[in-house]
């Protein structure tokens, strides 16, 4: 599932609302180890553009 969400996030990265929605879905669906990897991947690929969104979603993650 992790690779699937990476693909989806890459495809919707043109729109910040879509990106945030899909990131939220990914966070709800993945297990803890995958979440750490997703977080690192998100910051590496989209940190400069969507850093605040990534911060907010991972702070809100359970």
PDB file of N, CA and C in Angstrom:
ATOM      1  N   UNK A   1       0.816  -1.201   0.000  1.00  0.00           N
ATOM      2  CA  UNK A   1       0.000   0.000   0.000  1.00  0.00           C
ATOM      3  C   UNK A   1       0.862   1.269   0.000  1.00  0.00           C
ATOM      4  N   UNK A   2       2.009   1.186   0.618  1.00  0.00           N
ATOM      5  CA  UNK A   2       2.867   2.364   0.679  1.00  0.00           C
ATOM      6  C   UNK A   2       3.222   2.860  -0.718  1.00  0.00           C
ATOM      7  N   UNK A   3       3.616   1.955  -1.583  1.00  0.00           N
ATOM      8  CA  UNK A   3       3.989   2.346  -2.948  1.00  0.00           C
ATOM      9  C   UNK A   3       2.788   2.922  -3.696  1.00  0.00           C
ATOM     10  N   UNK A   4       1.629   2.368  -3.444  1.00  0.00           N
ATOM     11  CA  UNK A   4       0.396   2.874  -4.056  1.00  0.00           C
ATOM     12  C   UNK A   4       0.162   4.329  -3.645  1.00  0.00           C
ATOM     13  N   UNK A   5       0.279   4.612  -2.355  1.00  0.00           N
ATOM     14  CA  UNK A   5       0.056   5.980  -1.888  1.00  0.00           C
ATOM     15  C   UNK A   5       1.126   6.944  -2.395  1.00  0.00           C
ATOM     16  N   UNK A   6       2.346   6.475  -2.533  1.00  0.00           N
ATOM     17  CA  UNK A   6       3.392   7.326  -3.115  1.00  0.00           C
ATOM     18  C   UNK A   6       3.019   7.708  -4.545  1.00  0.00           C
ATOM     19  N   UNK A   7       2.527   6.735  -5.293  1.00  0.00           N
ATOM     20  CA  UNK A   7       2.110   6.986  -6.674  1.00  0.00           C
ATOM     21  C   UNK A   7       0.964   8.000  -6.714  1.00  0.00           C
ATOM     22  N   UNK A   8      -0.030   7.798  -5.887  1.00  0.00           N
ATOM     23  CA  UNK A   8      -1.184   8.705  -5.842  1.00  0.00           C
ATOM     24  C   UNK A   8      -0.743  10.113  -5.456  1.00  0.00           C
ATOM     25  N   UNK A   9       0.071  10.236  -4.417  1.00  0.00           N
ATOM     26  CA  UNK A   9       0.529  11.555  -3.982  1.00  0.00           C
ATOM     27  C   UNK A   9       1.328  12.253  -5.078  1.00  0.00           C
ATOM     28  N   UNK A  10       2.120  11.510  -5.805  1.00  0.00           N
ATOM     29  CA  UNK A  10       2.872  12.097  -6.921  1.00  0.00           C
ATOM     30  C   UNK A  10       1.930  12.625  -7.993  1.00  0.00           C
ATOM     31  N   UNK A  11       0.876  11.869  -8.253  1.00  0.00           N
ATOM     32  CA  UNK A  11      -0.061  12.261  -9.315  1.00  0.00           C
ATOM     33  C   UNK A  11      -0.935  13.453  -8.932  1.00  0.00           C
ATOM     34  N   UNK A  12      -1.225  13.628  -7.644  1.00  0.00           N
ATOM     35  CA  UNK A  12      -2.094  14.739  -7.244  1.00  0.00           C
ATOM     36  C   UNK A  12      -1.309  15.924  -6.684  1.00  0.00           C
ATOM     37  N   UNK A  13      -0.003  15.881  -6.793  1.00  0.00           N
ATOM     38  CA  UNK A  13       0.826  16.930  -6.198  1.00  0.00           C
ATOM     39  C   UNK A  13       0.657  18.298  -6.851  1.00  0.00           C
ATOM     40  N   UNK A  14      -0.060  18.369  -7.956  1.00  0.00           N
ATOM     41  CA  UNK A  14      -0.309  19.652  -8.612  1.00  0.00           C
ATOM     42  C   UNK A  14      -1.348  20.485  -7.863  1.00  0.00           C
ATOM     43  N   UNK A  15      -2.118  19.856  -6.965  1.00  0.00           N
ATOM     44  CA  UNK A  15      -3.202  20.542  -6.260  1.00  0.00           C
ATOM     45  C   UNK A  15      -3.060  20.309  -4.754  1.00  0.00           C
ATOM     46  N   UNK A  16      -2.923  21.387  -3.990  1.00  0.00           N
ATOM     47  CA  UNK A  16      -2.641  21.215  -2.562  1.00  0.00           C
ATOM     48  C   UNK A  16      -3.797  20.577  -1.797  1.00  0.00           C
ATOM     49  N   UNK A  17      -5.042  20.859  -2.185  1.00  0.00           N
ATOM     50  CA  UNK A  17      -6.172  20.239  -1.479  1.00  0.00           C
ATOM     51  C   UNK A  17      -6.239  18.743  -1.741  1.00  0.00           C
ATOM     52  N   UNK A  18      -6.029  18.343  -2.982  1.00  0.00           N
ATOM     53  CA  UNK A  18      -5.998  16.917  -3.308  1.00  0.00           C
ATOM     54  C   UNK A  18      -4.838  16.219  -2.599  1.00  0.00           C
ATOM     55  N   UNK A  19      -3.696  16.871  -2.599  1.00  0.00           N
ATOM     56  CA  UNK A  19      -2.531  16.299  -1.939  1.00  0.00           C
ATOM     57  C   UNK A  19      -2.817  16.072  -0.464  1.00  0.00           C
ATOM     58  N   UNK A  20      -3.394  17.062   0.190  1.00  0.00           N
ATOM     59  CA  UNK A  20      -3.686  16.933   1.620  1.00  0.00           C
ATOM     60  C   UNK A  20      -4.718  15.836   1.881  1.00  0.00           C
ATOM     61  N   UNK A  21      -5.735  15.761   1.058  1.00  0.00           N
ATOM     62  CA  UNK A  21      -6.775  14.738   1.222  1.00  0.00           C
ATOM     63  C   UNK A  21      -6.190  13.335   1.063  1.00  0.00           C
ATOM     64  N   UNK A  22      -5.377  13.152   0.042  1.00  0.00           N
ATOM     65  CA  UNK A  22      -4.790  11.834  -0.200  1.00  0.00           C
ATOM     66  C   UNK A  22      -3.756  11.483   0.865  1.00  0.00           C
ATOM     67  N   UNK A  23      -3.046  12.474   1.355  1.00  0.00           N
ATOM     68  CA  UNK A  23      -2.094  12.233   2.440  1.00  0.00           C
ATOM     69  C   UNK A  23      -2.838  11.783   3.696  1.00  0.00           C
ATOM     70  N   UNK A  24      -3.956  12.422   3.971  1.00  0.00           N
ATOM     71  CA  UNK A  24      -4.786  12.039   5.117  1.00  0.00           C
ATOM     72  C   UNK A  24      -5.246  10.584   4.996  1.00  0.00           C
ATOM     73  N   UNK A  25      -5.687  10.205   3.807  1.00  0.00           N
ATOM     74  CA  UNK A  25      -6.117   8.820   3.566  1.00  0.00           C
ATOM     75  C   UNK A  25      -4.957   7.849   3.782  1.00  0.00           C
ATOM     76  N   UNK A  26      -3.794   8.208   3.279  1.00  0.00           N
ATOM     77  CA  UNK A  26      -2.623   7.341   3.422  1.00  0.00           C
ATOM     78  C   UNK A  26      -2.276   7.152   4.892  1.00  0.00           C
ATOM     79  N   UNK A  27      -2.297   8.220   5.655  1.00  0.00           N
ATOM     80  CA  UNK A  27      -1.952   8.148   7.072  1.00  0.00           C
ATOM     81  C   UNK A  27      -2.925   7.237   7.821  1.00  0.00           C
ATOM     82  N   UNK A  28      -4.184   7.301   7.464  1.00  0.00           N
ATOM     83  CA  UNK A  28      -5.188   6.447   8.110  1.00  0.00           C
ATOM     84  C   UNK A  28      -5.016   4.978   7.738  1.00  0.00           C
ATOM     85  N   UNK A  29      -4.459   4.699   6.573  1.00  0.00           N
ATOM     86  CA  UNK A  29      -4.409   3.335   6.048  1.00  0.00           C
ATOM     87  C   UNK A  29      -3.123   2.575   6.367  1.00  0.00           C
ATOM     88  N   UNK A  30      -2.053   3.284   6.649  1.00  0.00           N
ATOM     89  CA  UNK A  30      -0.754   2.631   6.790  1.00  0.00           C
ATOM     90  C   UNK A  30      -0.416   2.312   8.246  1.00  0.00           C
ATOM     91  N   UNK A  31       0.468   1.343   8.420  1.00  0.00           N
ATOM     92  CA  UNK A  31       0.946   0.992   9.760  1.00  0.00           C
ATOM     93  C   UNK A  31       2.130   1.885  10.122  1.00  0.00           C
ATOM     94  N   UNK A  32       2.544   1.813  11.369  1.00  0.00           N
ATOM     95  CA  UNK A  32       3.537   2.750  11.905  1.00  0.00           C
ATOM     96  C   UNK A  32       4.855   2.787  11.121  1.00  0.00           C
ATOM     97  N   UNK A  33       5.397   1.623  10.777  1.00  0.00           N
ATOM     98  CA  UNK A  33       6.665   1.601  10.036  1.00  0.00           C
ATOM     99  C   UNK A  33       6.514   2.261   8.665  1.00  0.00           C
ATOM    100  N   UNK A  34       5.388   2.000   8.016  1.00  0.00           N
ATOM    101  CA  UNK A  34       5.136   2.604   6.706  1.00  0.00           C
ATOM    102  C   UNK A  34       4.932   4.107   6.839  1.00  0.00           C
ATOM    103  N   UNK A  35       4.330   4.539   7.945  1.00  0.00           N
ATOM    104  CA  UNK A  35       4.121   5.979   8.158  1.00  0.00           C
ATOM    105  C   UNK A  35       5.450   6.718   8.250  1.00  0.00           C
ATOM    106  N   UNK A  36       6.404   6.138   8.936  1.00  0.00           N
ATOM    107  CA  UNK A  36       7.721   6.776   9.047  1.00  0.00           C
ATOM    108  C   UNK A  36       8.357   6.925   7.668  1.00  0.00           C
ATOM    109  N   UNK A  37       8.258   5.864   6.881  1.00  0.00           N
ATOM    110  CA  UNK A  37       8.838   5.911   5.532  1.00  0.00           C
ATOM    111  C   UNK A  37       8.097   6.918   4.655  1.00  0.00           C
ATOM    112  N   UNK A  38       6.761   6.939   4.770  1.00  0.00           N
ATOM    113  CA  UNK A  38       5.973   7.905   3.990  1.00  0.00           C
ATOM    114  C   UNK A  38       6.322   9.337   4.379  1.00  0.00           C
ATOM    115  N   UNK A  39       6.460   9.581   5.655  1.00  0.00           N
ATOM    116  CA  UNK A  39       6.801  10.928   6.132  1.00  0.00           C
ATOM    117  C   UNK A  39       8.136  11.382   5.543  1.00  0.00           C
ATOM    118  N   UNK A  40       9.140  10.529   5.618  1.00  0.00           N
ATOM    119  CA  UNK A  40      10.455  10.870   5.045  1.00  0.00           C
ATOM    120  C   UNK A  40      10.355  11.107   3.547  1.00  0.00           C
ATOM    121  N   UNK A  41       9.619  10.246   2.868  1.00  0.00           N
ATOM    122  CA  UNK A  41       9.451  10.369   1.420  1.00  0.00           C
ATOM    123  C   UNK A  41       8.753  11.690   1.078  1.00  0.00           C
ATOM    124  N   UNK A  42       7.699  12.017   1.815  1.00  0.00           N
ATOM    125  CA  UNK A  42       6.961  13.260   1.559  1.00  0.00           C
ATOM    126  C   UNK A  42       7.853  14.478   1.725  1.00  0.00           C
ATOM    127  N   UNK A  43       8.632  14.519   2.811  1.00  0.00           N
ATOM    128  CA  UNK A  43       9.519  15.662   3.020  1.00  0.00           C
ATOM    129  C   UNK A  43      10.594  15.740   1.934  1.00  0.00           C
ATOM    130  N   UNK A  44      11.095  14.595   1.508  1.00  0.00           N
ATOM    131  CA  UNK A  44      12.118  14.583   0.461  1.00  0.00           C
ATOM    132  C   UNK A  44      11.574  15.092  -0.868  1.00  0.00           C
ATOM    133  N   UNK A  45      10.388  14.645  -1.245  1.00  0.00           N
ATOM    134  CA  UNK A  45       9.837  14.979  -2.557  1.00  0.00           C
ATOM    135  C   UNK A  45       8.995  16.251  -2.590  1.00  0.00           C
ATOM    136  N   UNK A  46       8.315  16.569  -1.492  1.00  0.00           N
ATOM    137  CA  UNK A  46       7.370  17.684  -1.515  1.00  0.00           C
ATOM    138  C   UNK A  46       7.546  18.668  -0.365  1.00  0.00           C
ATOM    139  N   UNK A  47       8.591  18.509   0.414  1.00  0.00           N
ATOM    140  CA  UNK A  47       8.797  19.344   1.600  1.00  0.00           C
ATOM    141  C   UNK A  47       8.865  20.833   1.316  1.00  0.00           C
ATOM    142  N   UNK A  48       9.497  21.209   0.222  1.00  0.00           N
ATOM    143  CA  UNK A  48       9.624  22.629  -0.088  1.00  0.00           C
ATOM    144  C   UNK A  48       8.294  23.250  -0.476  1.00  0.00           C
ATOM    145  N   UNK A  49       7.436  22.477  -1.104  1.00  0.00           N
ATOM    146  CA  UNK A  49       6.149  22.997  -1.577  1.00  0.00           C
ATOM    147  C   UNK A  49       5.057  22.814  -0.531  1.00  0.00           C
ATOM    148  N   UNK A  50       4.980  21.620   0.056  1.00  0.00           N
ATOM    149  CA  UNK A  50       3.876  21.275   0.947  1.00  0.00           C
ATOM    150  C   UNK A  50       4.325  20.998   2.382  1.00  0.00           C
ATOM    151  N   UNK A  51       5.443  21.538   2.795  1.00  0.00           N
ATOM    152  CA  UNK A  51       5.947  21.308   4.151  1.00  0.00           C
ATOM    153  C   UNK A  51       4.918  21.549   5.243  1.00  0.00           C
ATOM    154  N   UNK A  52       4.222  22.695   5.231  1.00  0.00           N
ATOM    155  CA  UNK A  52       3.218  22.938   6.283  1.00  0.00           C
ATOM    156  C   UNK A  52       2.075  21.921   6.277  1.00  0.00           C
ATOM    157  N   UNK A  53       1.664  21.486   5.097  1.00  0.00           N
ATOM    158  CA  UNK A  53       0.595  20.476   5.005  1.00  0.00           C
ATOM    159  C   UNK A  53       1.082  19.154   5.576  1.00  0.00           C
ATOM    160  N   UNK A  54       2.292  18.777   5.233  1.00  0.00           N
ATOM    161  CA  UNK A  54       2.861  17.523   5.735  1.00  0.00           C
ATOM    162  C   UNK A  54       2.991  17.595   7.252  1.00  0.00           C
ATOM    163  N   UNK A  55       3.500  18.706   7.753  1.00  0.00           N
ATOM    164  CA  UNK A  55       3.617  18.901   9.205  1.00  0.00           C
ATOM    165  C   UNK A  55       2.266  18.715   9.879  1.00  0.00           C
ATOM    166  N   UNK A  56       1.278  19.397   9.370  1.00  0.00           N
ATOM    167  CA  UNK A  56      -0.063  19.375   9.978  1.00  0.00           C
ATOM    168  C   UNK A  56      -0.652  17.970   9.977  1.00  0.00           C
ATOM    169  N   UNK A  57      -0.551  17.270   8.875  1.00  0.00           N
ATOM    170  CA  UNK A  57      -1.159  15.947   8.788  1.00  0.00           C
ATOM    171  C   UNK A  57      -0.439  14.924   9.670  1.00  0.00           C
ATOM    172  N   UNK A  58       0.862  15.013   9.776  1.00  0.00           N
ATOM    173  CA  UNK A  58       1.565  14.043  10.615  1.00  0.00           C
ATOM    174  C   UNK A  58       1.448  14.382  12.095  1.00  0.00           C
ATOM    175  N   UNK A  59       1.216  15.629  12.432  1.00  0.00           N
ATOM    176  CA  UNK A  59       0.961  15.987  13.840  1.00  0.00           C
ATOM    177  C   UNK A  59      -0.405  15.463  14.244  1.00  0.00           C
ATOM    178  N   UNK A  60      -1.367  15.524  13.336  1.00  0.00           N
ATOM    179  CA  UNK A  60      -2.715  15.065  13.627  1.00  0.00           C
ATOM    180  C   UNK A  60      -2.845  13.548  13.583  1.00  0.00           C
ATOM    181  N   UNK A  61      -1.839  12.877  13.034  1.00  0.00           N
ATOM    182  CA  UNK A  61      -1.900  11.409  12.901  1.00  0.00           C
ATOM    183  C   UNK A  61      -1.952  10.766  14.284  1.00  0.00           C
ATOM    184  N   UNK A  62      -2.732   9.690  14.403  1.00  0.00           N
ATOM    185  CA  UNK A  62      -2.850   9.012  15.704  1.00  0.00           C
ATOM    186  C   UNK A  62      -1.574   8.368  16.156  1.00  0.00           C
TER     187      UNK A  62
END
